[in-house]
Amino acid sequence: MGKIERIAQQLSKLPEPLQQEVVDFIEFIQAKYCLDQQSQQDTLLLDLKGGLEGSSTFSGDNVKIQERLRDEWR
């Protein structure tokens, strides 16, 4: 019996809330060690440059942008 089968067998013996804890722990390990394929993609900060150029929220005078954002939280 392989590791995956052993894990599945043991997991099936647990009640649903504990099964969810095991899934949460696996996701934690994936995030901690960057094992998730999505997180392995290298995204450089420069790749995000210009992402808000067409945004109406962030267009215009810098002071006006700050005022709009501030007023939004009032």
Protein backbone atom coordinates (compact mmCIF):
# COMPACT_ATOMS: atom_id res chain seq x y z
CA MET A 1 0.00 0.00 0.00
CA GLY A 2 1.39 3.38 -1.01
CA LYS A 3 1.52 6.51 1.08
CA ILE A 4 -1.47 8.10 -0.65
CA GLU A 5 -3.62 5.04 -0.03
CA ARG A 6 -2.56 4.91 3.63
CA ILE A 7 -3.38 8.59 4.07
CA ALA A 8 -6.76 8.16 2.38
CA GLN A 9 -7.55 5.12 4.53
CA GLN A 10 -6.69 6.94 7.76
CA LEU A 11 -8.49 10.09 6.65
CA SER A 12 -11.69 8.16 5.94
CA LYS A 13 -11.75 6.97 9.55
CA LEU A 14 -11.88 10.53 10.90
CA PRO A 15 -15.07 12.52 11.48
CA GLU A 16 -15.78 15.33 8.99
CA PRO A 17 -14.46 18.22 11.16
CA LEU A 18 -11.13 16.44 11.66
CA GLN A 19 -10.92 15.63 7.96
CA GLN A 20 -11.23 19.37 7.31
CA GLU A 21 -8.40 20.03 9.76
CA VAL A 22 -6.19 17.61 7.81
CA VAL A 23 -7.06 19.39 4.55
CA ASP A 24 -6.31 22.76 6.17
CA PHE A 25 -2.96 21.45 7.40
CA ILE A 26 -2.05 20.17 3.93
CA GLU A 27 -2.90 23.58 2.44
CA PHE A 28 -0.80 25.25 5.15
CA ILE A 29 2.20 23.08 4.28
CA GLN A 30 1.74 23.82 0.58
CA ALA A 31 1.68 27.55 1.25
CA LYS A 32 4.59 27.43 3.69
CA TYR A 33 6.87 25.58 1.31
CA CYS A 34 5.45 27.12 -1.89
CA LEU A 35 4.42 23.70 -3.14
CA ASP A 36 1.25 24.91 -4.82
CA GLN A 37 1.74 25.19 -8.59
CA GLN A 38 0.05 28.59 -8.64
CA SER A 39 2.50 30.00 -6.10
CA GLN A 40 5.47 28.59 -8.03
CA GLN A 41 4.81 30.95 -10.89
CA ASP A 42 7.34 33.74 -10.70
CA THR A 43 5.55 37.07 -10.85
CA LEU A 44 7.88 40.00 -10.82
CA LEU A 45 6.77 43.33 -9.45
CA LEU A 46 7.59 44.83 -12.84
CA ASP A 47 5.01 42.49 -14.41
CA LEU A 48 2.33 44.35 -12.44
CA LYS A 49 3.50 47.79 -13.61
CA GLY A 50 0.78 49.81 -15.28
CA GLY A 51 -2.05 47.62 -14.07
CA LEU A 52 -4.08 50.60 -12.88
CA GLU A 53 -3.34 52.98 -15.76
CA GLY A 54 -6.88 52.76 -17.15
CA SER A 55 -8.54 52.93 -13.76
CA SER A 56 -10.88 55.86 -13.24
CA THR A 57 -10.15 55.72 -9.51
CA PHE A 58 -6.44 56.33 -10.00
CA SER A 59 -6.52 58.81 -12.86
CA GLY A 60 -5.96 62.53 -12.65
CA ASP A 61 -4.22 64.73 -10.14
CA ASN A 62 -2.51 62.89 -7.28
CA VAL A 63 -4.10 65.14 -4.65
CA LYS A 64 -7.56 64.56 -6.13
CA ILE A 65 -6.95 60.80 -6.07
CA GLN A 66 -6.06 60.96 -2.38
CA GLU A 67 -9.15 63.07 -1.65
CA ARG A 68 -11.44 60.61 -3.48
CA LEU A 69 -9.96 57.66 -1.63
CA ARG A 70 -10.20 59.45 1.72
CA ASP A 71 -13.81 60.49 1.07
CA GLU A 72 -14.68 56.93 0.16
CA TRP A 73 -13.90 55.86 3.73
CA ARG A 74 -15.97 58.55 5.42
